Amino acid sequence: MSLNILERLKSNPSCLSKSERKVAQVILEDPNKAIRSSIASLAKAANVSEPTVNRFCRSLDCTGFPDFKLKLAQCLATGTPYVNRNVESSDNVEEYSSKIFEATMSAISDAKRSIDPNALSRTVDALAQARRIEIYGLGASGSVAMDAQHKFFRLNTPCVAYTDVLQQRMAAAATKPGDVVMIISNTGRTIALVETARIARESGATVITITQPHTPLSDESHILLGVDSPENTDIYTPMTSRIVHLTIIDVLATGVILKHGPEFQSHLKRIKAALAETRFKSPDQE
């Protein structure tokens, strides 16, 4: 699924010509005004021709200016409109904290709209039926993999997370049909993870990836949970993408629990009860 219209414009897409970028700049300055504009008034504001505006809309996969305005309005109606996600060195604490919170909320909202429900359902089924679950991630995605292991080990299925390249390769080679290997990567371009996914496929495991579509890693997936990310993690430390991936893990863990049915609740209750003696009582328990 593609990013929403405003995110694509902010990313300065290469599909836009120099004249079309003028249109993008006018829209980014005041998206609400752009929705109310006619094609003639927008062209005048950008100092371009009306055919240029139409070409601009088609470059963004819209059928024309009316379709573009509709998609722009839908984007603004999500409750998390366009924000400048770039933290500047001159930002004070209120400014940069606001940008980070807004960027994270926007990323979660975008993921909610774009993720394929059918892929989620297939993933939950595969995890619920798995003989064994292995989760791989490197770098920032390694912490997501560890969080996933923390969630899934409670589900009565052997589960382990590997964040070391050599361990991942060996473990993947040892998988069998009935095993599920879930690989998490924001870029989908990490060579080691792509190779490990291929090894797991050749061993007979079901390979599930949480990554960007149309990447080398997504091509090795049996099931792809595709999540586009506006972050350039070649330069910046992953922030919003990591939160999105953690949220997807929560969705999957909840789905597997529900798949197991009400009788599974007693199992989870026993696990939770085992922690009771490790905590001081809260005031309302005194």
Protein backbone atom coordinates (compact mmCIF):
# COMPACT_ATOMS: atom_id res chain seq x y z
CA MET A 1 0.00 0.00 0.00
CA SER A 2 1.27 3.49 -0.80
CA LEU A 3 1.81 6.32 1.62
CA ASN A 4 -0.95 8.90 1.87
CA ILE A 5 -0.91 11.86 -0.47
CA LEU A 6 0.65 14.38 1.92
CA GLU A 7 3.42 12.02 2.98
CA ARG A 8 4.27 11.34 -0.65
CA LEU A 9 4.45 15.06 -1.40
CA LYS A 10 6.65 15.69 1.63
CA SER A 11 9.04 12.95 0.52
CA ASN A 12 9.63 14.93 -2.71
CA PRO A 13 8.88 12.00 -5.04
CA SER A 14 11.12 11.61 -8.08
CA CYS A 15 8.06 11.06 -10.29
CA LEU A 16 7.32 14.82 -10.20
CA SER A 17 8.79 17.21 -12.73
CA LYS A 18 10.18 20.64 -11.81
CA SER A 19 6.87 22.31 -12.67
CA GLU A 20 4.86 19.68 -10.79
CA ARG A 21 6.98 20.29 -7.69
CA LYS A 22 5.73 23.89 -7.73
CA VAL A 23 2.19 22.53 -7.45
CA ALA A 24 3.25 20.27 -4.59
CA GLN A 25 4.79 23.19 -2.72
CA VAL A 26 1.60 25.27 -2.93
CA ILE A 27 -0.46 22.32 -1.66
CA LEU A 28 1.90 21.62 1.24
CA GLU A 29 1.74 25.24 2.35
CA ASP A 30 -2.03 25.01 2.86
CA PRO A 31 -3.66 21.61 2.14
CA ASN A 32 -7.11 22.79 3.22
CA LYS A 33 -7.01 25.68 0.78
CA ALA A 34 -5.98 23.27 -1.99
CA ILE A 35 -9.12 21.21 -1.39
CA ARG A 36 -11.27 24.31 -1.89
CA SER A 37 -9.37 25.47 -4.98
CA SER A 38 -10.35 25.05 -8.60
CA ILE A 39 -7.77 23.68 -11.00
CA ALA A 40 -7.43 27.16 -12.48
CA SER A 41 -6.78 28.87 -9.14
CA LEU A 42 -4.26 26.21 -8.08
CA ALA A 43 -2.43 26.50 -11.39
CA LYS A 44 -2.30 30.29 -10.98
CA ALA A 45 -0.99 30.03 -7.41
CA ALA A 46 1.77 27.67 -8.55
CA ASN A 47 2.48 29.70 -11.67
CA VAL A 48 1.98 26.69 -13.94
CA SER A 49 -0.56 25.63 -16.56
CA GLU A 50 -3.73 23.65 -15.89
CA PRO A 51 -2.40 20.64 -17.89
CA THR A 52 0.60 20.65 -15.52
CA VAL A 53 -1.76 20.30 -12.56
CA ASN A 54 -3.45 17.37 -14.28
CA ARG A 55 -0.08 15.72 -14.96
CA PHE A 56 0.82 16.29 -11.31
CA CYS A 57 -2.34 14.45 -10.21
CA ARG A 58 -1.69 11.52 -12.55
CA SER A 59 1.91 11.30 -11.27
CA LEU A 60 0.41 10.60 -7.84
CA ASP A 61 -1.79 7.80 -9.22
CA CYS A 62 -4.94 9.95 -9.26
CA THR A 63 -7.28 9.93 -12.24
CA GLY A 64 -7.47 13.72 -12.25
CA PHE A 65 -7.79 16.83 -10.11
CA PRO A 66 -11.17 15.87 -8.53
CA ASP A 67 -9.78 12.46 -7.53
CA PHE A 68 -6.69 14.13 -6.08
CA LYS A 69 -8.80 16.51 -3.98
CA LEU A 70 -10.88 13.60 -2.71
CA LYS A 71 -7.80 11.68 -1.58
CA LEU A 72 -6.34 14.81 -0.03
CA ALA A 73 -9.56 15.40 1.90
CA GLN A 74 -9.57 11.79 3.10
CA CYS A 75 -6.01 12.23 4.34
CA LEU A 76 -6.89 15.37 6.30
CA ALA A 77 -10.00 13.69 7.74
CA THR A 78 -7.99 10.96 9.51
CA GLY A 79 -7.38 13.18 12.54
CA THR A 80 -3.62 13.18 11.98
CA PRO A 81 -3.06 15.72 9.19
CA TYR A 82 0.25 16.53 7.63
CA VAL A 83 3.00 17.49 10.04
CA ASN A 84 6.62 18.37 9.49
CA ARG A 85 8.39 15.25 10.70
CA ASN A 86 11.88 16.71 10.44
CA VAL A 87 13.24 17.78 13.80
CA GLU A 88 15.37 20.89 13.39
CA SER A 89 18.36 21.83 15.53
CA SER A 90 16.55 25.05 16.47
CA ASP A 91 13.45 23.25 17.81
CA ASN A 92 12.65 23.70 21.48
CA VAL A 93 11.44 20.79 23.62
CA GLU A 94 7.77 21.52 22.91
CA GLU A 95 8.35 21.64 19.15
CA TYR A 96 10.41 18.50 18.73
CA SER A 97 8.33 16.47 21.18
CA SER A 98 5.16 17.51 19.35
CA LYS A 99 6.67 16.50 16.00
CA ILE A 100 7.66 13.07 17.29
CA PHE A 101 4.25 12.39 18.88
CA GLU A 102 2.39 13.55 15.76
CA ALA A 103 4.65 11.57 13.44
CA THR A 104 4.12 8.41 15.48
CA MET A 105 0.34 8.81 15.59
CA SER A 106 0.26 9.47 11.86
CA ALA A 107 2.37 6.37 11.14
CA ILE A 108 0.07 4.18 13.25
CA SER A 109 -2.99 5.62 11.50
CA ASP A 110 -1.47 5.01 8.07
CA ALA A 111 -0.56 1.43 8.95
CA LYS A 112 -4.08 0.77 10.20
CA ARG A 113 -5.53 1.90 6.88
CA SER A 114 -3.01 0.22 4.62
CA ILE A 115 -2.30 -3.21 6.12
CA ASP A 116 -4.00 -6.11 4.36
CA PRO A 117 -6.63 -7.77 6.63
CA ASN A 118 -6.37 -10.99 4.64
CA ALA A 119 -2.61 -11.13 5.26
CA LEU A 120 -3.23 -10.55 8.97
CA SER A 121 -5.77 -13.38 9.06
CA ARG A 122 -3.44 -15.78 7.25
CA THR A 123 -0.60 -14.85 9.61
CA VAL A 124 -2.73 -15.46 12.71
CA ASP A 125 -3.78 -18.86 11.33
CA ALA A 126 -0.16 -19.81 10.59
CA LEU A 127 1.03 -18.76 14.05
CA ALA A 128 -1.85 -20.51 15.83
CA GLN A 129 -1.07 -23.77 14.02
CA ALA A 130 2.73 -23.53 14.17
CA ARG A 131 4.81 -26.38 15.56
CA ARG A 132 7.47 -23.80 16.47
CA ILE A 133 7.82 -20.04 16.01
CA GLU A 134 11.15 -18.34 15.30
CA ILE A 135 11.49 -14.56 15.05
CA TYR A 136 14.43 -12.79 13.43
CA GLY A 137 15.42 -9.13 13.46
CA LEU A 138 18.60 -7.08 13.38
CA GLY A 139 19.42 -3.66 14.78
CA ALA A 140 16.31 -1.75 15.82
CA SER A 141 14.20 -4.61 14.48
CA GLY A 142 16.02 -6.93 16.87
CA SER A 143 14.29 -5.24 19.81
CA VAL A 144 10.94 -5.77 18.07
CA ALA A 145 11.81 -9.45 17.60
CA MET A 146 12.56 -9.76 21.31
CA ASP A 147 9.24 -8.11 22.15
CA ALA A 148 7.47 -10.59 19.84
CA GLN A 149 9.14 -13.50 21.62
CA HIS A 150 8.00 -12.03 24.94
CA LYS A 151 4.41 -12.03 23.64
CA PHE A 152 4.37 -15.39 21.85
CA PHE A 153 6.16 -17.60 24.39
CA ARG A 154 2.97 -17.45 26.49
CA LEU A 155 0.92 -19.11 23.77
CA ASN A 156 1.90 -22.73 24.42
CA THR A 157 4.04 -22.91 21.30
CA PRO A 158 7.85 -23.16 21.46
CA CYS A 159 9.11 -19.70 20.50
CA VAL A 160 12.54 -18.10 20.23
CA ALA A 161 13.95 -14.82 18.90
CA TYR A 162 17.37 -14.56 17.26
CA THR A 163 19.13 -11.23 16.75
CA ASP A 164 22.50 -12.63 15.64
CA VAL A 165 23.13 -13.25 11.93
CA LEU A 166 24.95 -16.58 12.35
CA GLN A 167 22.37 -17.94 14.79
CA GLN A 168 19.61 -16.92 12.39
CA ARG A 169 21.18 -18.78 9.48
CA MET A 170 21.76 -21.94 11.51
CA ALA A 171 18.29 -21.85 13.04
CA ALA A 172 16.68 -21.28 9.65
CA ALA A 173 18.53 -24.26 8.21
CA ALA A 174 17.18 -26.40 11.07
CA THR A 175 13.53 -25.48 10.55
CA LYS A 176 11.00 -27.98 9.21
CA PRO A 177 7.56 -27.95 7.60
CA GLY A 178 5.10 -26.78 10.26
CA ASP A 179 7.55 -24.20 11.64
CA VAL A 180 6.93 -20.47 11.20
CA VAL A 181 9.77 -18.01 10.73
CA MET A 182 8.78 -14.37 11.17
CA ILE A 183 11.31 -11.80 9.95
CA ILE A 184 11.09 -8.11 10.83
CA SER A 185 12.88 -5.44 8.80
CA ASN A 186 11.96 -1.85 8.07
CA THR A 187 13.94 -1.55 4.84
CA GLY A 188 13.54 -5.10 3.55
CA ARG A 189 17.00 -4.73 2.01
CA THR A 190 19.27 -6.28 4.65
CA ILE A 191 21.22 -8.93 2.75
CA ALA A 192 21.64 -11.26 5.73
CA LEU A 193 17.89 -11.35 6.44
CA VAL A 194 17.01 -11.94 2.80
CA GLU A 195 19.44 -14.86 2.65
CA THR A 196 18.08 -16.25 5.93
CA ALA A 197 14.52 -16.05 4.60
CA ARG A 198 15.59 -18.03 1.56
CA ILE A 199 17.24 -20.67 3.75
CA ALA A 200 14.07 -21.00 5.85
CA ARG A 201 11.91 -21.38 2.72
CA GLU A 202 14.21 -24.08 1.37
CA SER A 203 13.98 -25.89 4.73
CA GLY A 204 10.19 -25.99 4.50
CA ALA A 205 9.25 -23.31 7.06
CA THR A 206 6.48 -20.79 6.45
CA VAL A 207 8.15 -17.40 6.11
CA ILE A 208 6.22 -14.35 7.30
CA THR A 209 7.76 -10.91 6.91
CA ILE A 210 6.90 -7.54 8.42
CA THR A 211 8.57 -5.18 6.02
CA GLN A 212 8.09 -2.79 3.13
CA PRO A 213 6.45 -4.20 -0.02
CA HIS A 214 8.38 -4.63 -3.25
CA THR A 215 11.69 -5.31 -1.54
CA PRO A 216 14.10 -8.27 -1.73
CA LEU A 217 12.83 -9.53 1.64
CA SER A 218 9.15 -9.27 0.72
CA ASP A 219 9.90 -11.33 -2.40
CA GLU A 220 11.03 -14.22 -0.16
CA SER A 221 7.79 -14.22 1.88
CA HIS A 222 5.00 -16.75 1.95
CA ILE A 223 2.95 -14.09 3.75
CA LEU A 224 3.81 -10.39 3.63
CA LEU A 225 2.58 -7.92 6.23
CA GLY A 226 3.48 -4.93 4.11
CA VAL A 227 4.08 -1.63 5.87
CA ASP A 228 5.34 1.43 4.00
CA SER A 229 7.43 3.80 6.05
CA PRO A 230 8.30 7.44 5.31
CA GLU A 231 11.47 7.12 7.39
CA ASN A 232 14.82 7.11 5.69
CA THR A 233 16.56 4.71 8.05
CA ASP A 234 19.71 4.79 5.94
CA ILE A 235 20.26 8.17 7.61
CA TYR A 236 18.05 8.33 10.70
CA THR A 237 17.50 5.99 13.63
CA PRO A 238 14.17 4.12 13.17
CA MET A 239 11.43 5.67 15.27
CA THR A 240 7.90 5.52 13.89
CA SER A 241 8.48 2.30 11.93
CA ARG A 242 9.56 0.54 15.11
CA ILE A 243 6.36 1.58 16.90
CA VAL A 244 4.26 0.39 13.95
CA HIS A 245 5.99 -2.99 13.99
CA LEU A 246 5.43 -3.35 17.75
CA THR A 247 1.75 -2.59 17.24
CA ILE A 248 1.48 -5.25 14.53
CA ILE A 249 3.03 -7.76 16.93
CA ASP A 250 0.34 -6.88 19.50
CA VAL A 251 -2.35 -7.40 16.85
CA LEU A 252 -0.95 -10.82 15.93
CA ALA A 253 -0.57 -11.98 19.54
CA THR A 254 -4.14 -10.92 20.31
CA GLY A 255 -5.37 -12.70 17.19
CA VAL A 256 -3.70 -15.96 18.18
CA ILE A 257 -5.16 -15.77 21.69
CA LEU A 258 -8.65 -15.25 20.29
CA LYS A 259 -8.06 -18.08 17.82
CA HIS A 260 -7.34 -20.47 20.69
CA GLY A 261 -10.77 -19.75 22.20
CA PRO A 262 -12.10 -18.95 25.71
CA GLU A 263 -10.63 -22.09 27.27
CA PHE A 264 -7.15 -20.72 26.61
CA GLN A 265 -7.77 -17.91 29.11
CA SER A 266 -7.11 -20.25 32.05
CA HIS A 267 -3.62 -20.92 30.69
CA LEU A 268 -2.87 -17.19 30.47
CA LYS A 269 -4.33 -16.66 33.92
CA ARG A 270 -1.91 -19.22 35.40
CA ILE A 271 1.03 -17.44 33.81
CA LYS A 272 -0.11 -14.09 35.15
CA ALA A 273 -0.73 -15.54 38.62
CA ALA A 274 2.89 -16.72 38.74
CA LEU A 275 3.92 -13.06 38.96
CA ALA A 276 1.76 -12.20 41.95
CA GLU A 277 4.42 -13.00 44.54
CA THR A 278 7.03 -10.88 42.76
CA ARG A 279 5.24 -7.58 43.34
CA PHE A 280 4.34 -5.42 46.32
CA LYS A 281 0.61 -5.09 46.69
CA SER A 282 -1.00 -1.95 45.34
CA PRO A 283 -2.81 0.32 47.86
CA ASP A 284 -6.23 -0.90 46.74
CA GLN A 285 -5.20 -4.49 47.55
CA GLU A 286 -4.24 -3.74 51.15
